PDB file of N, CA and C in Angstrom:
ATOM      1  N   MET A   1     -14.534  12.318  -2.737  1.00  0.00           N
ATOM      2  CA  MET A   1     -13.656  11.351  -3.364  1.00  0.00           C
ATOM      3  C   MET A   1     -14.416  10.684  -4.506  1.00  0.00           C
ATOM      4  N   SER A   2     -13.716  10.406  -5.589  1.00  0.00           N
ATOM      5  CA  SER A   2     -14.363   9.799  -6.751  1.00  0.00           C
ATOM      6  C   SER A   2     -14.831   8.382  -6.437  1.00  0.00           C
ATOM      7  N   SER A   3     -15.873   7.967  -7.138  1.00  0.00           N
ATOM      8  CA  SER A   3     -16.422   6.626  -6.898  1.00  0.00           C
ATOM      9  C   SER A   3     -15.424   5.543  -7.292  1.00  0.00           C
ATOM     10  N   ASP A   4     -14.548   5.837  -8.264  1.00  0.00           N
ATOM     11  CA  ASP A   4     -13.526   4.863  -8.656  1.00  0.00           C
ATOM     12  C   ASP A   4     -12.587   4.559  -7.493  1.00  0.00           C
ATOM     13  N   LEU A   5     -12.162   5.610  -6.793  1.00  0.00           N
ATOM     14  CA  LEU A   5     -11.275   5.407  -5.654  1.00  0.00           C
ATOM     15  C   LEU A   5     -12.006   4.760  -4.496  1.00  0.00           C
ATOM     16  N   LYS A   6     -13.261   5.115  -4.285  1.00  0.00           N
ATOM     17  CA  LYS A   6     -14.038   4.499  -3.207  1.00  0.00           C
ATOM     18  C   LYS A   6     -14.099   2.990  -3.381  1.00  0.00           C
ATOM     19  N   LYS A   7     -14.232   2.526  -4.621  1.00  0.00           N
ATOM     20  CA  LYS A   7     -14.263   1.089  -4.896  1.00  0.00           C
ATOM     21  C   LYS A   7     -12.929   0.423  -4.555  1.00  0.00           C
ATOM     22  N   LEU A   8     -11.845   1.169  -4.756  1.00  0.00           N
ATOM     23  CA  LEU A   8     -10.509   0.608  -4.533  1.00  0.00           C
ATOM     24  C   LEU A   8     -10.110   0.553  -3.073  1.00  0.00           C
ATOM     25  N   ILE A   9     -10.860   1.220  -2.195  1.00  0.00           N
ATOM     26  CA  ILE A   9     -10.503   1.215  -0.776  1.00  0.00           C
ATOM     27  C   ILE A   9     -11.581   0.589   0.098  1.00  0.00           C
ATOM     28  N   ALA A  10     -12.661   0.109  -0.526  1.00  0.00           N
ATOM     29  CA  ALA A  10     -13.783  -0.461   0.231  1.00  0.00           C
ATOM     30  C   ALA A  10     -13.517  -1.932   0.522  1.00  0.00           C
ATOM     31  N   HIS A  11     -13.252  -2.240   1.774  1.00  0.00           N
ATOM     32  CA  HIS A  11     -13.014  -3.620   2.195  1.00  0.00           C
ATOM     33  C   HIS A  11     -14.318  -4.392   2.282  1.00  0.00           C
ATOM     34  N   GLU A  12     -14.285  -5.610   1.798  1.00  0.00           N
ATOM     35  CA  GLU A  12     -15.408  -6.530   1.964  1.00  0.00           C
ATOM     36  C   GLU A  12     -15.051  -7.640   2.943  1.00  0.00           C
ATOM     37  N   TYR A  13     -13.768  -7.757   3.265  1.00  0.00           N
ATOM     38  CA  TYR A  13     -13.251  -8.789   4.171  1.00  0.00           C
ATOM     39  C   TYR A  13     -13.774 -10.169   3.778  1.00  0.00           C
ATOM     40  N   SER A  14     -13.607 -10.492   2.515  1.00  0.00           N
ATOM     41  CA  SER A  14     -14.005 -11.801   1.997  1.00  0.00           C
ATOM     42  C   SER A  14     -12.925 -12.268   1.029  1.00  0.00           C
ATOM     43  N   ASP A  15     -13.069 -13.487   0.534  1.00  0.00           N
ATOM     44  CA  ASP A  15     -12.111 -14.006  -0.438  1.00  0.00           C
ATOM     45  C   ASP A  15     -12.151 -13.225  -1.750  1.00  0.00           C
ATOM     46  N   ASP A  16     -13.261 -12.565  -2.013  1.00  0.00           N
ATOM     47  CA  ASP A  16     -13.417 -11.800  -3.245  1.00  0.00           C
ATOM     48  C   ASP A  16     -13.077 -10.323  -3.086  1.00  0.00           C
ATOM     49  N   CYS A  17     -12.630  -9.903  -1.916  1.00  0.00           N
ATOM     50  CA  CYS A  17     -12.349  -8.497  -1.643  1.00  0.00           C
ATOM     51  C   CYS A  17     -11.137  -8.041  -2.461  1.00  0.00           C
ATOM     52  N   THR A  18     -11.362  -7.080  -3.362  1.00  0.00           N
ATOM     53  CA  THR A  18     -10.264  -6.606  -4.203  1.00  0.00           C
ATOM     54  C   THR A  18      -9.196  -5.870  -3.390  1.00  0.00           C
ATOM     55  N   VAL A  19      -9.609  -5.203  -2.311  1.00  0.00           N
ATOM     56  CA  VAL A  19      -8.642  -4.502  -1.469  1.00  0.00           C
ATOM     57  C   VAL A  19      -7.712  -5.515  -0.797  1.00  0.00           C
ATOM     58  N   CYS A  20      -8.288  -6.552  -0.223  1.00  0.00           N
ATOM     59  CA  CYS A  20      -7.488  -7.581   0.446  1.00  0.00           C
ATOM     60  C   CYS A  20      -6.544  -8.266  -0.548  1.00  0.00           C
ATOM     61  N   ARG A  21      -7.056  -8.589  -1.732  1.00  0.00           N
ATOM     62  CA  ARG A  21      -6.219  -9.247  -2.740  1.00  0.00           C
ATOM     63  C   ARG A  21      -5.082  -8.337  -3.183  1.00  0.00           C
ATOM     64  N   ALA A  22      -5.375  -7.057  -3.398  1.00  0.00           N
ATOM     65  CA  ALA A  22      -4.329  -6.117  -3.807  1.00  0.00           C
ATOM     66  C   ALA A  22      -3.284  -5.966  -2.702  1.00  0.00           C
ATOM     67  N   GLN A  23      -3.740  -5.860  -1.445  1.00  0.00           N
ATOM     68  CA  GLN A  23      -2.799  -5.736  -0.330  1.00  0.00           C
ATOM     69  C   GLN A  23      -1.935  -6.985  -0.206  1.00  0.00           C
ATOM     70  N   ASP A  24      -2.499  -8.161  -0.438  1.00  0.00           N
ATOM     71  CA  ASP A  24      -1.721  -9.395  -0.388  1.00  0.00           C
ATOM     72  C   ASP A  24      -0.639  -9.409  -1.465  1.00  0.00           C
ATOM     73  N   ILE A  25      -0.994  -9.001  -2.674  1.00  0.00           N
ATOM     74  CA  ILE A  25      -0.011  -8.980  -3.764  1.00  0.00           C
ATOM     75  C   ILE A  25       1.129  -8.038  -3.416  1.00  0.00           C
ATOM     76  N   VAL A  26       0.795  -6.867  -2.910  1.00  0.00           N
ATOM     77  CA  VAL A  26       1.828  -5.896  -2.546  1.00  0.00           C
ATOM     78  C   VAL A  26       2.688  -6.434  -1.409  1.00  0.00           C
ATOM     79  N   ALA A  27       2.045  -6.960  -0.357  1.00  0.00           N
ATOM     80  CA  ALA A  27       2.785  -7.424   0.822  1.00  0.00           C
ATOM     81  C   ALA A  27       3.686  -8.620   0.517  1.00  0.00           C
ATOM     82  N   PHE A  28       3.214  -9.534  -0.308  1.00  0.00           N
ATOM     83  CA  PHE A  28       3.964 -10.770  -0.526  1.00  0.00           C
ATOM     84  C   PHE A  28       4.856 -10.734  -1.762  1.00  0.00           C
ATOM     85  N   SER A  29       4.658  -9.769  -2.649  1.00  0.00           N
ATOM     86  CA  SER A  29       5.472  -9.700  -3.861  1.00  0.00           C
ATOM     87  C   SER A  29       6.257  -8.397  -3.975  1.00  0.00           C
ATOM     88  N   LEU A  30       5.547  -7.274  -3.937  1.00  0.00           N
ATOM     89  CA  LEU A  30       6.209  -6.001  -4.196  1.00  0.00           C
ATOM     90  C   LEU A  30       7.083  -5.533  -3.049  1.00  0.00           C
ATOM     91  N   VAL A  31       6.645  -5.699  -1.816  1.00  0.00           N
ATOM     92  CA  VAL A  31       7.443  -5.240  -0.674  1.00  0.00           C
ATOM     93  C   VAL A  31       8.771  -5.999  -0.589  1.00  0.00           C
ATOM     94  N   PRO A  32       8.759  -7.334  -0.666  1.00  0.00           N
ATOM     95  CA  PRO A  32      10.053  -8.037  -0.652  1.00  0.00           C
ATOM     96  C   PRO A  32      10.921  -7.700  -1.865  1.00  0.00           C
ATOM     97  N   ALA A  33      10.299  -7.500  -3.024  1.00  0.00           N
ATOM     98  CA  ALA A  33      11.070  -7.137  -4.219  1.00  0.00           C
ATOM     99  C   ALA A  33      11.718  -5.768  -4.037  1.00  0.00           C
ATOM    100  N   ALA A  34      10.987  -4.808  -3.485  1.00  0.00           N
ATOM    101  CA  ALA A  34      11.549  -3.476  -3.248  1.00  0.00           C
ATOM    102  C   ALA A  34      12.733  -3.560  -2.291  1.00  0.00           C
ATOM    103  N   ALA A  35      12.588  -4.343  -1.228  1.00  0.00           N
ATOM    104  CA  ALA A  35      13.688  -4.500  -0.272  1.00  0.00           C
ATOM    105  C   ALA A  35      14.900  -5.139  -0.949  1.00  0.00           C
ATOM    106  N   ALA A  36      14.666  -6.120  -1.805  1.00  0.00           N
ATOM    107  CA  ALA A  36      15.768  -6.779  -2.515  1.00  0.00           C
ATOM    108  C   ALA A  36      16.455  -5.813  -3.485  1.00  0.00           C
ATOM    109  N   TRP A  37      15.676  -4.998  -4.195  1.00  0.00           N
ATOM    110  CA  TRP A  37      16.256  -4.020  -5.117  1.00  0.00           C
ATOM    111  C   TRP A  37      17.099  -3.009  -4.366  1.00  0.00           C
ATOM    112  N   GLU A  38      16.626  -2.586  -3.207  1.00  0.00           N
ATOM    113  CA  GLU A  38      17.405  -1.644  -2.400  1.00  0.00           C
ATOM    114  C   GLU A  38      18.745  -2.249  -2.003  1.00  0.00           C
ATOM    115  N   THR A  39      18.709  -3.472  -1.519  1.00  0.00           N
ATOM    116  CA  THR A  39      19.927  -4.153  -1.091  1.00  0.00           C
ATOM    117  C   THR A  39      20.873  -4.371  -2.266  1.00  0.00           C
ATOM    118  N   ALA A  40      20.340  -4.881  -3.376  1.00  0.00           N
ATOM    119  CA  ALA A  40      21.162  -5.195  -4.542  1.00  0.00           C
ATOM    120  C   ALA A  40      21.804  -3.946  -5.146  1.00  0.00           C
ATOM    121  N   ASN A  41      21.146  -2.814  -5.010  1.00  0.00           N
ATOM    122  CA  ASN A  41      21.650  -1.576  -5.602  1.00  0.00           C
ATOM    123  C   ASN A  41      22.261  -0.621  -4.574  1.00  0.00           C
ATOM    124  N   GLU A  42      22.473  -1.147  -3.358  1.00  0.00           N
ATOM    125  CA  GLU A  42      23.080  -0.372  -2.270  1.00  0.00           C
ATOM    126  C   GLU A  42      22.352   0.961  -2.050  1.00  0.00           C
ATOM    127  N   LEU A  43      21.026   0.883  -2.052  1.00  0.00           N
ATOM    128  CA  LEU A  43      20.196   2.050  -1.799  1.00  0.00           C
ATOM    129  C   LEU A  43      19.744   2.045  -0.345  1.00  0.00           C
ATOM    130  N   PRO A  44      19.422   3.201   0.205  1.00  0.00           N
ATOM    131  CA  PRO A  44      18.926   3.245   1.580  1.00  0.00           C
ATOM    132  C   PRO A  44      17.600   2.483   1.702  1.00  0.00           C
ATOM    133  N   GLN A  45      17.386   1.926   2.879  1.00  0.00           N
ATOM    134  CA  GLN A  45      16.142   1.221   3.155  1.00  0.00           C
ATOM    135  C   GLN A  45      14.962   2.164   2.935  1.00  0.00           C
ATOM    136  N   TYR A  46      13.935   1.671   2.312  1.00  0.00           N
ATOM    137  CA  TYR A  46      12.679   2.373   2.006  1.00  0.00           C
ATOM    138  C   TYR A  46      12.773   3.304   0.808  1.00  0.00           C
ATOM    139  N   SER A  47      13.934   3.472   0.196  1.00  0.00           N
ATOM    140  CA  SER A  47      14.057   4.411  -0.915  1.00  0.00           C
ATOM    141  C   SER A  47      13.222   3.973  -2.120  1.00  0.00           C
ATOM    142  N   VAL A  48      13.237   2.698  -2.467  1.00  0.00           N
ATOM    143  CA  VAL A  48      12.443   2.215  -3.591  1.00  0.00           C
ATOM    144  C   VAL A  48      10.959   2.240  -3.225  1.00  0.00           C
ATOM    145  N   ALA A  49      10.638   1.850  -1.998  1.00  0.00           N
ATOM    146  CA  ALA A  49       9.237   1.841  -1.574  1.00  0.00           C
ATOM    147  C   ALA A  49       8.644   3.250  -1.626  1.00  0.00           C
ATOM    148  N   LEU A  50       9.349   4.216  -1.073  1.00  0.00           N
ATOM    149  CA  LEU A  50       8.825   5.577  -1.019  1.00  0.00           C
ATOM    150  C   LEU A  50       8.724   6.201  -2.406  1.00  0.00           C
ATOM    151  N   ASN A  51       9.797   6.095  -3.167  1.00  0.00           N
ATOM    152  CA  ASN A  51       9.781   6.691  -4.501  1.00  0.00           C
ATOM    153  C   ASN A  51       8.866   5.941  -5.458  1.00  0.00           C
ATOM    154  N   GLY A  52       8.800   4.625  -5.311  1.00  0.00           N
ATOM    155  CA  GLY A  52       7.882   3.840  -6.139  1.00  0.00           C
ATOM    156  C   GLY A  52       6.435   4.180  -5.849  1.00  0.00           C
ATOM    157  N   ALA A  53       6.105   4.312  -4.570  1.00  0.00           N
ATOM    158  CA  ALA A  53       4.733   4.683  -4.199  1.00  0.00           C
ATOM    159  C   ALA A  53       4.391   6.057  -4.754  1.00  0.00           C
ATOM    160  N   ALA A  54       5.314   6.994  -4.649  1.00  0.00           N
ATOM    161  CA  ALA A  54       5.060   8.344  -5.158  1.00  0.00           C
ATOM    162  C   ALA A  54       4.846   8.331  -6.668  1.00  0.00           C
ATOM    163  N   GLN A  55       5.651   7.556  -7.379  1.00  0.00           N
ATOM    164  CA  GLN A  55       5.503   7.480  -8.840  1.00  0.00           C
ATOM    165  C   GLN A  55       4.170   6.851  -9.228  1.00  0.00           C
ATOM    166  N   LEU A  56       3.764   5.808  -8.511  1.00  0.00           N
ATOM    167  CA  LEU A  56       2.481   5.166  -8.803  1.00  0.00           C
ATOM    168  C   LEU A  56       1.316   6.110  -8.526  1.00  0.00           C
ATOM    169  N   LEU A  57       1.401   6.858  -7.429  1.00  0.00           N
ATOM    170  CA  LEU A  57       0.361   7.840  -7.120  1.00  0.00           C
ATOM    171  C   LEU A  57       0.355   8.968  -8.141  1.00  0.00           C
ATOM    172  N   ALA A  58       1.520   9.375  -8.604  1.00  0.00           N
ATOM    173  CA  ALA A  58       1.608  10.417  -9.633  1.00  0.00           C
ATOM    174  C   ALA A  58       0.970   9.946 -10.936  1.00  0.00           C
ATOM    175  N   ALA A  59       1.081   8.650 -11.237  1.00  0.00           N
ATOM    176  CA  ALA A  59       0.433   8.108 -12.441  1.00  0.00           C
ATOM    177  C   ALA A  59      -1.081   8.231 -12.334  1.00  0.00           C
ATOM    178  N   MET A  60      -1.616   8.044 -11.137  1.00  0.00           N
ATOM    179  CA  MET A  60      -3.052   8.202 -10.927  1.00  0.00           C
ATOM    180  C   MET A  60      -3.467   9.651 -11.173  1.00  0.00           C
ATOM    181  N   ILE A  61      -2.662  10.577 -10.672  1.00  0.00           N
ATOM    182  CA  ILE A  61      -2.949  12.002 -10.853  1.00  0.00           C
ATOM    183  C   ILE A  61      -2.836  12.372 -12.335  1.00  0.00           C
ATOM    184  N   ALA A  62      -1.821  11.834 -12.999  1.00  0.00           N
ATOM    185  CA  ALA A  62      -1.647  12.096 -14.430  1.00  0.00           C
ATOM    186  C   ALA A  62      -2.825  11.564 -15.243  1.00  0.00           C
ATOM    187  N   ASP A  63      -3.471  10.510 -14.748  1.00  0.00           N
ATOM    188  CA  ASP A  63      -4.644   9.950 -15.431  1.00  0.00           C
ATOM    189  C   ASP A  63      -5.929  10.713 -15.128  1.00  0.00           C
ATOM    190  N   GLY A  64      -5.825  11.776 -14.316  1.00  0.00           N
ATOM    191  CA  GLY A  64      -6.969  12.633 -14.117  1.00  0.00           C
ATOM    192  C   GLY A  64      -7.604  12.605 -12.737  1.00  0.00           C
ATOM    193  N   LEU A  65      -7.128  11.749 -11.844  1.00  0.00           N
ATOM    194  CA  LEU A  65      -7.662  11.764 -10.481  1.00  0.00           C
ATOM    195  C   LEU A  65      -7.086  12.975  -9.751  1.00  0.00           C
ATOM    196  N   SER A  66      -7.878  13.571  -8.899  1.00  0.00           N
ATOM    197  CA  SER A  66      -7.382  14.749  -8.183  1.00  0.00           C
ATOM    198  C   SER A  66      -6.419  14.318  -7.080  1.00  0.00           C
ATOM    199  N   ARG A  67      -5.441  15.167  -6.821  1.00  0.00           N
ATOM    200  CA  ARG A  67      -4.485  14.894  -5.758  1.00  0.00           C
ATOM    201  C   ARG A  67      -5.196  14.748  -4.412  1.00  0.00           C
ATOM    202  N   ASN A  68      -6.187  15.591  -4.160  1.00  0.00           N
ATOM    203  CA  ASN A  68      -6.928  15.511  -2.893  1.00  0.00           C
ATOM    204  C   ASN A  68      -7.605  14.155  -2.737  1.00  0.00           C
ATOM    205  N   ASP A  69      -8.208  13.646  -3.817  1.00  0.00           N
ATOM    206  CA  ASP A  69      -8.853  12.337  -3.754  1.00  0.00           C
ATOM    207  C   ASP A  69      -7.838  11.228  -3.512  1.00  0.00           C
ATOM    208  N   VAL A  70      -6.690  11.334  -4.179  1.00  0.00           N
ATOM    209  CA  VAL A  70      -5.637  10.324  -4.000  1.00  0.00           C
ATOM    210  C   VAL A  70      -5.122  10.371  -2.560  1.00  0.00           C
ATOM    211  N   GLU A  71      -4.887  11.566  -2.034  1.00  0.00           N
ATOM    212  CA  GLU A  71      -4.407  11.698  -0.658  1.00  0.00           C
ATOM    213  C   GLU A  71      -5.433  11.173   0.342  1.00  0.00           C
ATOM    214  N   GLU A  72      -6.711  11.452   0.106  1.00  0.00           N
ATOM    215  CA  GLU A  72      -7.756  10.966   1.004  1.00  0.00           C
ATOM    216  C   GLU A  72      -7.830   9.439   0.993  1.00  0.00           C
ATOM    217  N   ALA A  73      -7.756   8.846  -0.193  1.00  0.00           N
ATOM    218  CA  ALA A  73      -7.794   7.385  -0.305  1.00  0.00           C
ATOM    219  C   ALA A  73      -6.573   6.772   0.375  1.00  0.00           C
ATOM    220  N   LEU A  74      -5.413   7.375   0.163  1.00  0.00           N
ATOM    221  CA  LEU A  74      -4.182   6.880   0.782  1.00  0.00           C
ATOM    222  C   LEU A  74      -4.260   6.956   2.300  1.00  0.00           C
ATOM    223  N   LYS A  75      -4.804   8.044   2.817  1.00  0.00           N
ATOM    224  CA  LYS A  75      -4.942   8.185   4.266  1.00  0.00           C
ATOM    225  C   LYS A  75      -5.827   7.076   4.834  1.00  0.00           C
ATOM    226  N   ILE A  76      -6.918   6.792   4.169  1.00  0.00           N
ATOM    227  CA  ILE A  76      -7.825   5.735   4.634  1.00  0.00           C
ATOM    228  C   ILE A  76      -7.116   4.389   4.639  1.00  0.00           C
ATOM    229  N   LEU A  77      -6.401   4.093   3.554  1.00  0.00           N
ATOM    230  CA  LEU A  77      -5.688   2.811   3.482  1.00  0.00           C
ATOM    231  C   LEU A  77      -4.568   2.733   4.507  1.00  0.00           C
ATOM    232  N   LEU A  78      -3.821   3.817   4.708  1.00  0.00           N
ATOM    233  CA  LEU A  78      -2.758   3.806   5.714  1.00  0.00           C
ATOM    234  C   LEU A  78      -3.319   3.635   7.116  1.00  0.00           C
ATOM    235  N   ASP A  79      -4.435   4.285   7.393  1.00  0.00           N
ATOM    236  CA  ASP A  79      -5.076   4.108   8.697  1.00  0.00           C
ATOM    237  C   ASP A  79      -5.469   2.648   8.901  1.00  0.00           C
ATOM    238  N   ASP A  80      -6.005   2.038   7.866  1.00  0.00           N
ATOM    239  CA  ASP A  80      -6.408   0.632   7.926  1.00  0.00           C
ATOM    240  C   ASP A  80      -5.198  -0.274   8.154  1.00  0.00           C
ATOM    241  N   LEU A  81      -4.124  -0.017   7.430  1.00  0.00           N
ATOM    242  CA  LEU A  81      -2.920  -0.840   7.571  1.00  0.00           C
ATOM    243  C   LEU A  81      -2.259  -0.647   8.938  1.00  0.00           C
ATOM    244  N   GLU A  82      -2.253   0.571   9.449  1.00  0.00           N
ATOM    245  CA  GLU A  82      -1.716   0.805  10.789  1.00  0.00           C
ATOM    246  C   GLU A  82      -2.517   0.047  11.842  1.00  0.00           C
ATOM    247  N   ALA A  83      -3.821   0.021  11.680  1.00  0.00           N
ATOM    248  CA  ALA A  83      -4.664  -0.732  12.616  1.00  0.00           C
ATOM    249  C   ALA A  83      -4.344  -2.222  12.538  1.00  0.00           C
ATOM    250  N   GLN A  84      -4.103  -2.724  11.325  1.00  0.00           N
ATOM    251  CA  GLN A  84      -3.732  -4.135  11.164  1.00  0.00           C
ATOM    252  C   GLN A  84      -2.407  -4.432  11.854  1.00  0.00           C
ATOM    253  N   ILE A  85      -1.441  -3.529  11.702  1.00  0.00           N
ATOM    254  CA  ILE A  85      -0.126  -3.721  12.319  1.00  0.00           C
ATOM    255  C   ILE A  85      -0.262  -3.775  13.834  1.00  0.00           C
ATOM    256  N   LYS A  86      -1.039  -2.860  14.394  1.00  0.00           N
ATOM    257  CA  LYS A  86      -1.254  -2.850  15.847  1.00  0.00           C
ATOM    258  C   LYS A  86      -1.948  -4.124  16.303  1.00  0.00           C
ATOM    259  N   GLU A  87      -2.945  -4.551  15.540  1.00  0.00           N
ATOM    260  CA  GLU A  87      -3.683  -5.764  15.901  1.00  0.00           C
ATOM    261  C   GLU A  87      -2.773  -6.985  15.847  1.00  0.00           C
ATOM    262  N   GLU A  88      -1.961  -7.080  14.815  1.00  0.00           N
ATOM    263  CA  GLU A  88      -1.035  -8.208  14.707  1.00  0.00           C
ATOM    264  C   GLU A  88      -0.028  -8.186  15.843  1.00  0.00           C
ATOM    265  N   GLY A  89       0.404  -6.997  16.249  1.00  0.00           N
ATOM    266  CA  GLY A  89       1.334  -6.876  17.362  1.00  0.00           C
ATOM    267  C   GLY A  89       0.720  -7.364  18.658  1.00  0.00           C
ATOM    268  N   VAL A  90      -0.554  -7.069  18.854  1.00  0.00           N
ATOM    269  CA  VAL A  90      -1.256  -7.516  20.059  1.00  0.00           C
ATOM    270  C   VAL A  90      -1.337  -9.038  20.087  1.00  0.00           C
ATOM    271  N   PHE A  91      -1.551  -9.635  18.924  1.00  0.00           N
ATOM    272  CA  PHE A  91      -1.696 -11.078  18.832  1.00  0.00           C
ATOM    273  C   PHE A  91      -0.385 -11.783  18.532  1.00  0.00           C
ATOM    274  N   GLY A  92       0.712 -11.021  18.470  1.00  0.00           N
ATOM    275  CA  GLY A  92       2.027 -11.630  18.256  1.00  0.00           C
ATOM    276  C   GLY A  92       2.310 -12.014  16.821  1.00  0.00           C
ATOM    277  N   GLY A  93       1.550 -11.474  15.880  1.00  0.00           N
ATOM    278  CA  GLY A  93       1.746 -11.812  14.481  1.00  0.00           C
ATOM    279  C   GLY A  93       2.921 -11.068  13.873  1.00  0.00           C
ATOM    280  N   PRO A  94       3.355 -11.505  12.714  1.00  0.00           N
ATOM    281  CA  PRO A  94       4.490 -10.861  12.062  1.00  0.00           C
ATOM    282  C   PRO A  94       4.110  -9.521  11.448  1.00  0.00           C
ATOM    283  N   THR A  95       5.107  -8.655  11.289  1.00  0.00           N
ATOM    284  CA  THR A  95       4.871  -7.405  10.592  1.00  0.00           C
ATOM    285  C   THR A  95       4.844  -7.675   9.101  1.00  0.00           C
ATOM    286  N   GLN A  96       4.339  -6.713   8.318  1.00  0.00           N
ATOM    287  CA  GLN A  96       4.179  -6.854   6.869  1.00  0.00           C
ATOM    288  C   GLN A  96       5.404  -6.315   6.132  1.00  0.00           C
ATOM    289  N   GLY A  97       6.485  -7.064   6.075  1.00  0.00           N
ATOM    290  CA  GLY A  97       7.645  -6.669   5.284  1.00  0.00           C
ATOM    291  C   GLY A  97       8.434  -5.539   5.907  1.00  0.00           C
ATOM    292  N   ASN A  98       9.440  -5.070   5.144  1.00  0.00           N
ATOM    293  CA  ASN A  98      10.299  -4.028   5.679  1.00  0.00           C
ATOM    294  C   ASN A  98      10.602  -2.935   4.685  1.00  0.00           C
ATOM    295  N   ALA A  99       9.947  -2.911   3.538  1.00  0.00           N
ATOM    296  CA  ALA A  99      10.242  -1.865   2.548  1.00  0.00           C
ATOM    297  C   ALA A  99       9.193  -0.789   2.560  1.00  0.00           C
TER     298      ALA A  99
END
């Protein structure tokens, strides 16, 4: 995996962690916006989230990152987010949006 992608998925678990900050922006801004766009445009649930994510990942590939590197980075981040969801469920915390 390229060093650029490694930087984007490396958690520091601090106030300065770029991964945590990016995840917060997505969870608190983009996920609710995607859900609202779906509702406002009578689209199926997750349609904007799925297609938007694919388009954003395609932009990375178009900029020269390999698909394998993008898929590997995505897998790591999804594994991390799934672990967070399970942990929050154990502690009774809320889920991260619905889009």
